[in-house]
């Protein structure tokens, strides 16, 4: 049962990430899914490191709002 619940949670999170505006989705995918550093993501996305940090922060805020009440409190 736990693996089914875990997969459901992963699907919900994946859908939320993919629904983000491109500039936020791109940094989330680079840093969290591709495990890039802030510096590496900045190079790939051709933006300043500070821009990557601020976009990650805004992306996390948007994801938190989108996911509240949809996934367990363990996040």
PDB file of N, CA and C in Angstrom:
ATOM      1  N   UNK A   1       0.827  -1.207   0.000  1.00  0.00           N
ATOM      2  CA  UNK A   1       0.000   0.000   0.000  1.00  0.00           C
ATOM      3  C   UNK A   1       0.864   1.260   0.000  1.00  0.00           C
ATOM      4  N   UNK A   2       1.940   1.227   0.767  1.00  0.00           N
ATOM      5  CA  UNK A   2       2.803   2.411   0.836  1.00  0.00           C
ATOM      6  C   UNK A   2       3.405   2.771  -0.515  1.00  0.00           C
ATOM      7  N   UNK A   3       3.777   1.766  -1.298  1.00  0.00           N
ATOM      8  CA  UNK A   3       4.371   2.067  -2.600  1.00  0.00           C
ATOM      9  C   UNK A   3       3.353   2.681  -3.552  1.00  0.00           C
ATOM     10  N   UNK A   4       2.087   2.264  -3.440  1.00  0.00           N
ATOM     11  CA  UNK A   4       1.025   2.857  -4.267  1.00  0.00           C
ATOM     12  C   UNK A   4       0.815   4.306  -3.863  1.00  0.00           C
ATOM     13  N   UNK A   5       0.763   4.546  -2.560  1.00  0.00           N
ATOM     14  CA  UNK A   5       0.586   5.906  -2.055  1.00  0.00           C
ATOM     15  C   UNK A   5       1.774   6.778  -2.450  1.00  0.00           C
ATOM     16  N   UNK A   6       2.972   6.221  -2.367  1.00  0.00           N
ATOM     17  CA  UNK A   6       4.173   6.950  -2.753  1.00  0.00           C
ATOM     18  C   UNK A   6       4.147   7.296  -4.243  1.00  0.00           C
ATOM     19  N   UNK A   7       3.720   6.360  -5.068  1.00  0.00           N
ATOM     20  CA  UNK A   7       3.636   6.612  -6.510  1.00  0.00           C
ATOM     21  C   UNK A   7       2.599   7.686  -6.810  1.00  0.00           C
ATOM     22  N   UNK A   8       1.461   7.640  -6.106  1.00  0.00           N
ATOM     23  CA  UNK A   8       0.436   8.672  -6.282  1.00  0.00           C
ATOM     24  C   UNK A   8       0.999  10.047  -5.931  1.00  0.00           C
ATOM     25  N   UNK A   9       1.733  10.113  -4.825  1.00  0.00           N
ATOM     26  CA  UNK A   9       2.343  11.374  -4.408  1.00  0.00           C
ATOM     27  C   UNK A   9       3.335  11.854  -5.460  1.00  0.00           C
ATOM     28  N   UNK A  10       4.165  10.952  -5.960  1.00  0.00           N
ATOM     29  CA  UNK A  10       5.131  11.319  -7.007  1.00  0.00           C
ATOM     30  C   UNK A  10       4.430  11.839  -8.254  1.00  0.00           C
ATOM     31  N   UNK A  11       3.332  11.204  -8.636  1.00  0.00           N
ATOM     32  CA  UNK A  11       2.577  11.642  -9.818  1.00  0.00           C
ATOM     33  C   UNK A  11       1.995  13.037  -9.614  1.00  0.00           C
ATOM     34  N   UNK A  12       1.475  13.296  -8.422  1.00  0.00           N
ATOM     35  CA  UNK A  12       0.898  14.607  -8.112  1.00  0.00           C
ATOM     36  C   UNK A  12       1.983  15.683  -8.175  1.00  0.00           C
ATOM     37  N   UNK A  13       3.137  15.386  -7.583  1.00  0.00           N
ATOM     38  CA  UNK A  13       4.244  16.345  -7.586  1.00  0.00           C
ATOM     39  C   UNK A  13       4.743  16.578  -9.009  1.00  0.00           C
ATOM     40  N   UNK A  14       4.903  15.511  -9.764  1.00  0.00           N
ATOM     41  CA  UNK A  14       5.373  15.631 -11.152  1.00  0.00           C
ATOM     42  C   UNK A  14       4.428  16.500 -11.974  1.00  0.00           C
ATOM     43  N   UNK A  15       3.131  16.277 -11.827  1.00  0.00           N
ATOM     44  CA  UNK A  15       2.138  17.073 -12.543  1.00  0.00           C
ATOM     45  C   UNK A  15       2.237  18.542 -12.143  1.00  0.00           C
ATOM     46  N   UNK A  16       2.414  18.800 -10.844  1.00  0.00           N
ATOM     47  CA  UNK A  16       2.529  20.177 -10.364  1.00  0.00           C
ATOM     48  C   UNK A  16       3.779  20.849 -10.927  1.00  0.00           C
ATOM     49  N   UNK A  17       4.890  20.129 -10.936  1.00  0.00           N
ATOM     50  CA  UNK A  17       6.138  20.692 -11.478  1.00  0.00           C
ATOM     51  C   UNK A  17       5.977  21.008 -12.962  1.00  0.00           C
ATOM     52  N   UNK A  18       5.408  20.079 -13.703  1.00  0.00           N
ATOM     53  CA  UNK A  18       5.265  20.276 -15.147  1.00  0.00           C
ATOM     54  C   UNK A  18       4.271  21.375 -15.500  1.00  0.00           C
ATOM     55  N   UNK A  19       3.403  21.725 -14.556  1.00  0.00           N
ATOM     56  CA  UNK A  19       2.429  22.785 -14.821  1.00  0.00           C
ATOM     57  C   UNK A  19       2.965  24.176 -14.467  1.00  0.00           C
ATOM     58  N   UNK A  20       4.154  24.235 -13.885  1.00  0.00           N
ATOM     59  CA  UNK A  20       4.755  25.534 -13.571  1.00  0.00           C
ATOM     60  C   UNK A  20       5.077  26.295 -14.857  1.00  0.00           C
ATOM     61  N   UNK A  21       5.093  27.633 -14.788  1.00  0.00           N
ATOM     62  CA  UNK A  21       5.580  28.408 -15.932  1.00  0.00           C
ATOM     63  C   UNK A  21       7.006  27.956 -16.278  1.00  0.00           C
ATOM     64  N   UNK A  22       7.375  28.037 -17.537  1.00  0.00           N
ATOM     65  CA  UNK A  22       8.645  27.491 -18.035  1.00  0.00           C
ATOM     66  C   UNK A  22       9.862  27.949 -17.237  1.00  0.00           C
ATOM     67  N   UNK A  23       9.935  29.229 -16.890  1.00  0.00           N
ATOM     68  CA  UNK A  23      11.141  29.713 -16.206  1.00  0.00           C
ATOM     69  C   UNK A  23      11.313  29.085 -14.830  1.00  0.00           C
ATOM     70  N   UNK A  24      10.217  28.699 -14.186  1.00  0.00           N
ATOM     71  CA  UNK A  24      10.296  28.026 -12.889  1.00  0.00           C
ATOM     72  C   UNK A  24      10.488  26.524 -13.067  1.00  0.00           C
ATOM     73  N   UNK A  25       9.772  25.955 -14.008  1.00  0.00           N
ATOM     74  CA  UNK A  25       9.888  24.521 -14.277  1.00  0.00           C
ATOM     75  C   UNK A  25      11.319  24.169 -14.655  1.00  0.00           C
ATOM     76  N   UNK A  26      11.933  24.979 -15.504  1.00  0.00           N
ATOM     77  CA  UNK A  26      13.287  24.697 -15.971  1.00  0.00           C
ATOM     78  C   UNK A  26      14.293  24.634 -14.823  1.00  0.00           C
ATOM     79  N   UNK A  27      14.217  25.576 -13.884  1.00  0.00           N
ATOM     80  CA  UNK A  27      15.175  25.543 -12.773  1.00  0.00           C
ATOM     81  C   UNK A  27      14.913  24.360 -11.852  1.00  0.00           C
ATOM     82  N   UNK A  28      13.652  24.030 -11.620  1.00  0.00           N
ATOM     83  CA  UNK A  28      13.325  22.871 -10.778  1.00  0.00           C
ATOM     84  C   UNK A  28      13.864  21.594 -11.417  1.00  0.00           C
ATOM     85  N   UNK A  29      13.643  21.442 -12.712  1.00  0.00           N
ATOM     86  CA  UNK A  29      14.125  20.242 -13.400  1.00  0.00           C
ATOM     87  C   UNK A  29      15.652  20.163 -13.370  1.00  0.00           C
ATOM     88  N   UNK A  30      16.322  21.279 -13.594  1.00  0.00           N
ATOM     89  CA  UNK A  30      17.787  21.277 -13.568  1.00  0.00           C
ATOM     90  C   UNK A  30      18.327  20.918 -12.185  1.00  0.00           C
ATOM     91  N   UNK A  31      17.842  21.609 -11.172  1.00  0.00           N
ATOM     92  CA  UNK A  31      18.422  21.468  -9.836  1.00  0.00           C
ATOM     93  C   UNK A  31      17.962  20.199  -9.122  1.00  0.00           C
ATOM     94  N   UNK A  32      16.667  19.910  -9.156  1.00  0.00           N
ATOM     95  CA  UNK A  32      16.166  18.780  -8.373  1.00  0.00           C
ATOM     96  C   UNK A  32      16.138  17.467  -9.142  1.00  0.00           C
ATOM     97  N   UNK A  33      15.793  17.496 -10.401  1.00  0.00           N
ATOM     98  CA  UNK A  33      15.699  16.250 -11.160  1.00  0.00           C
ATOM     99  C   UNK A  33      17.033  15.865 -11.792  1.00  0.00           C
ATOM    100  N   UNK A  34      17.768  16.857 -12.302  1.00  0.00           N
ATOM    101  CA  UNK A  34      19.058  16.575 -12.933  1.00  0.00           C
ATOM    102  C   UNK A  34      20.228  16.760 -11.974  1.00  0.00           C
ATOM    103  N   UNK A  35      19.915  17.146 -10.732  1.00  0.00           N
ATOM    104  CA  UNK A  35      20.898  17.284  -9.654  1.00  0.00           C
ATOM    105  C   UNK A  35      22.061  18.202 -10.010  1.00  0.00           C
ATOM    106  N   UNK A  36      21.743  19.299 -10.687  1.00  0.00           N
ATOM    107  CA  UNK A  36      22.767  20.298 -11.004  1.00  0.00           C
ATOM    108  C   UNK A  36      22.942  21.232  -9.817  1.00  0.00           C
ATOM    109  N   UNK A  37      24.118  21.819  -9.728  1.00  0.00           N
ATOM    110  CA  UNK A  37      24.333  22.874  -8.746  1.00  0.00           C
ATOM    111  C   UNK A  37      23.665  24.151  -9.271  1.00  0.00           C
ATOM    112  N   UNK A  38      23.571  25.138  -8.401  1.00  0.00           N
ATOM    113  CA  UNK A  38      23.032  26.438  -8.816  1.00  0.00           C
ATOM    114  C   UNK A  38      23.880  26.996  -9.966  1.00  0.00           C
ATOM    115  N   UNK A  39      25.200  26.886  -9.821  1.00  0.00           N
ATOM    116  CA  UNK A  39      26.112  27.407 -10.850  1.00  0.00           C
ATOM    117  C   UNK A  39      25.921  26.683 -12.183  1.00  0.00           C
ATOM    118  N   UNK A  40      25.792  25.361 -12.136  1.00  0.00           N
ATOM    119  CA  UNK A  40      25.591  24.592 -13.367  1.00  0.00           C
ATOM    120  C   UNK A  40      24.268  24.956 -14.034  1.00  0.00           C
ATOM    121  N   UNK A  41      23.216  25.078 -13.227  1.00  0.00           N
ATOM    122  CA  UNK A  41      21.909  25.444 -13.774  1.00  0.00           C
ATOM    123  C   UNK A  41      21.964  26.827 -14.410  1.00  0.00           C
ATOM    124  N   UNK A  42      22.684  27.745 -13.779  1.00  0.00           N
ATOM    125  CA  UNK A  42      22.818  29.099 -14.324  1.00  0.00           C
ATOM    126  C   UNK A  42      23.477  29.072 -15.699  1.00  0.00           C
ATOM    127  N   UNK A  43      24.497  28.248 -15.850  1.00  0.00           N
ATOM    128  CA  UNK A  43      25.185  28.143 -17.140  1.00  0.00           C
ATOM    129  C   UNK A  43      24.252  27.557 -18.194  1.00  0.00           C
ATOM    130  N   UNK A  44      23.594  26.465 -17.851  1.00  0.00           N
ATOM    131  CA  UNK A  44      22.701  25.792 -18.799  1.00  0.00           C
ATOM    132  C   UNK A  44      21.551  26.708 -19.215  1.00  0.00           C
ATOM    133  N   UNK A  45      20.988  27.424 -18.238  1.00  0.00           N
ATOM    134  CA  UNK A  45      19.828  28.279 -18.511  1.00  0.00           C
ATOM    135  C   UNK A  45      20.225  29.676 -18.994  1.00  0.00           C
ATOM    136  N   UNK A  46      21.531  29.949 -18.960  1.00  0.00           N
ATOM    137  CA  UNK A  46      22.055  31.248 -19.403  1.00  0.00           C
ATOM    138  C   UNK A  46      21.456  32.419 -18.628  1.00  0.00           C
ATOM    139  N   UNK A  47      21.453  32.254 -17.308  1.00  0.00           N
ATOM    140  CA  UNK A  47      21.002  33.315 -16.407  1.00  0.00           C
ATOM    141  C   UNK A  47      22.001  33.403 -15.256  1.00  0.00           C
ATOM    142  N   UNK A  48      21.893  34.449 -14.463  1.00  0.00           N
ATOM    143  CA  UNK A  48      22.770  34.609 -13.306  1.00  0.00           C
ATOM    144  C   UNK A  48      22.395  33.611 -12.210  1.00  0.00           C
ATOM    145  N   UNK A  49      23.369  33.291 -11.352  1.00  0.00           N
ATOM    146  CA  UNK A  49      23.102  32.374 -10.244  1.00  0.00           C
ATOM    147  C   UNK A  49      21.997  32.914  -9.342  1.00  0.00           C
ATOM    148  N   UNK A  50      21.994  34.212  -9.117  1.00  0.00           N
ATOM    149  CA  UNK A  50      20.949  34.819  -8.295  1.00  0.00           C
ATOM    150  C   UNK A  50      19.568  34.618  -8.894  1.00  0.00           C
ATOM    151  N   UNK A  51      19.493  34.628 -10.207  1.00  0.00           N
ATOM    152  CA  UNK A  51      18.223  34.393 -10.899  1.00  0.00           C
ATOM    153  C   UNK A  51      17.755  32.963 -10.668  1.00  0.00           C
ATOM    154  N   UNK A  52      18.687  32.018 -10.721  1.00  0.00           N
ATOM    155  CA  UNK A  52      18.335  30.620 -10.457  1.00  0.00           C
ATOM    156  C   UNK A  52      17.791  30.493  -9.036  1.00  0.00           C
ATOM    157  N   UNK A  53      18.467  31.112  -8.073  1.00  0.00           N
ATOM    158  CA  UNK A  53      18.038  31.032  -6.675  1.00  0.00           C
ATOM    159  C   UNK A  53      16.654  31.631  -6.482  1.00  0.00           C
ATOM    160  N   UNK A  54      16.413  32.799  -7.068  1.00  0.00           N
ATOM    161  CA  UNK A  54      15.111  33.442  -6.884  1.00  0.00           C
ATOM    162  C   UNK A  54      14.006  32.659  -7.579  1.00  0.00           C
ATOM    163  N   UNK A  55      14.306  32.105  -8.747  1.00  0.00           N
ATOM    164  CA  UNK A  55      13.298  31.303  -9.449  1.00  0.00           C
ATOM    165  C   UNK A  55      12.998  30.017  -8.692  1.00  0.00           C
ATOM    166  N   UNK A  56      14.017  29.414  -8.087  1.00  0.00           N
ATOM    167  CA  UNK A  56      13.782  28.220  -7.270  1.00  0.00           C
ATOM    168  C   UNK A  56      12.891  28.554  -6.084  1.00  0.00           C
ATOM    169  N   UNK A  57      13.162  29.679  -5.454  1.00  0.00           N
ATOM    170  CA  UNK A  57      12.352  30.097  -4.313  1.00  0.00           C
ATOM    171  C   UNK A  57      10.899  30.310  -4.725  1.00  0.00           C
ATOM    172  N   UNK A  58      10.696  31.001  -5.818  1.00  0.00           N
ATOM    173  CA  UNK A  58       9.332  31.241  -6.303  1.00  0.00           C
ATOM    174  C   UNK A  58       8.668  29.945  -6.741  1.00  0.00           C
ATOM    175  N   UNK A  59       9.431  29.056  -7.350  1.00  0.00           N
ATOM    176  CA  UNK A  59       8.882  27.763  -7.773  1.00  0.00           C
ATOM    177  C   UNK A  59       8.431  26.959  -6.562  1.00  0.00           C
ATOM    178  N   UNK A  60       9.243  26.961  -5.503  1.00  0.00           N
ATOM    179  CA  UNK A  60       8.860  26.232  -4.281  1.00  0.00           C
ATOM    180  C   UNK A  60       7.592  26.815  -3.680  1.00  0.00           C
ATOM    181  N   UNK A  61       7.458  28.143  -3.695  1.00  0.00           N
ATOM    182  CA  UNK A  61       6.239  28.778  -3.184  1.00  0.00           C
ATOM    183  C   UNK A  61       5.028  28.352  -4.002  1.00  0.00           C
ATOM    184  N   UNK A  62       5.172  28.359  -5.319  1.00  0.00           N
ATOM    185  CA  UNK A  62       4.065  27.969  -6.194  1.00  0.00           C
ATOM    186  C   UNK A  62       3.707  26.497  -5.999  1.00  0.00           C
ATOM    187  N   UNK A  63       4.715  25.649  -5.857  1.00  0.00           N
ATOM    188  CA  UNK A  63       4.457  24.225  -5.640  1.00  0.00           C
ATOM    189  C   UNK A  63       3.787  23.989  -4.294  1.00  0.00           C
ATOM    190  N   UNK A  64       4.239  24.700  -3.281  1.00  0.00           N
ATOM    191  CA  UNK A  64       3.625  24.552  -1.956  1.00  0.00           C
ATOM    192  C   UNK A  64       2.147  24.907  -2.022  1.00  0.00           C
ATOM    193  N   UNK A  65       1.833  26.008  -2.674  1.00  0.00           N
ATOM    194  CA  UNK A  65       0.430  26.419  -2.811  1.00  0.00           C
ATOM    195  C   UNK A  65      -0.372  25.397  -3.604  1.00  0.00           C
ATOM    196  N   UNK A  66       0.215  24.892  -4.675  1.00  0.00           N
ATOM    197  CA  UNK A  66      -0.485  23.939  -5.538  1.00  0.00           C
ATOM    198  C   UNK A  66      -0.692  22.594  -4.856  1.00  0.00           C
ATOM    199  N   UNK A  67       0.225  22.224  -3.972  1.00  0.00           N
ATOM    200  CA  UNK A  67       0.189  20.893  -3.370  1.00  0.00           C
ATOM    201  C   UNK A  67      -0.462  20.846  -1.996  1.00  0.00           C
ATOM    202  N   UNK A  68      -0.717  21.991  -1.388  1.00  0.00           N
ATOM    203  CA  UNK A  68      -1.322  21.998  -0.057  1.00  0.00           C
ATOM    204  C   UNK A  68      -2.629  21.221  -0.060  1.00  0.00           C
ATOM    205  N   UNK A  69      -2.713  20.266   0.854  1.00  0.00           N
ATOM    206  CA  UNK A  69      -3.917  19.462   0.977  1.00  0.00           C
ATOM    207  C   UNK A  69      -4.006  18.316  -0.012  1.00  0.00           C
ATOM    208  N   UNK A  70      -3.087  18.243  -0.958  1.00  0.00           N
ATOM    209  CA  UNK A  70      -3.134  17.185  -1.972  1.00  0.00           C
ATOM    210  C   UNK A  70      -2.188  16.041  -1.657  1.00  0.00           C
ATOM    211  N   UNK A  71      -1.151  16.319  -0.892  1.00  0.00           N
ATOM    212  CA  UNK A  71      -0.198  15.273  -0.529  1.00  0.00           C
ATOM    213  C   UNK A  71      -0.020  15.266   0.983  1.00  0.00           C
ATOM    214  N   UNK A  72       0.580  14.204   1.488  1.00  0.00           N
ATOM    215  CA  UNK A  72       0.727  14.052   2.934  1.00  0.00           C
ATOM    216  C   UNK A  72       1.593  15.161   3.514  1.00  0.00           C
ATOM    217  N   UNK A  73       1.479  15.348   4.797  1.00  0.00           N
ATOM    218  CA  UNK A  73       2.232  16.384   5.491  1.00  0.00           C
ATOM    219  C   UNK A  73       3.719  16.065   5.595  1.00  0.00           C
ATOM    220  N   UNK A  74       4.133  14.911   5.103  1.00  0.00           N
ATOM    221  CA  UNK A  74       5.536  14.521   5.168  1.00  0.00           C
ATOM    222  C   UNK A  74       6.411  15.368   4.267  1.00  0.00           C
ATOM    223  N   UNK A  75       5.817  16.052   3.295  1.00  0.00           N
ATOM    224  CA  UNK A  75       6.602  16.904   2.402  1.00  0.00           C
ATOM    225  C   UNK A  75       7.013  18.108   3.183  1.00  0.00           C
TER     226      UNK A  75
END
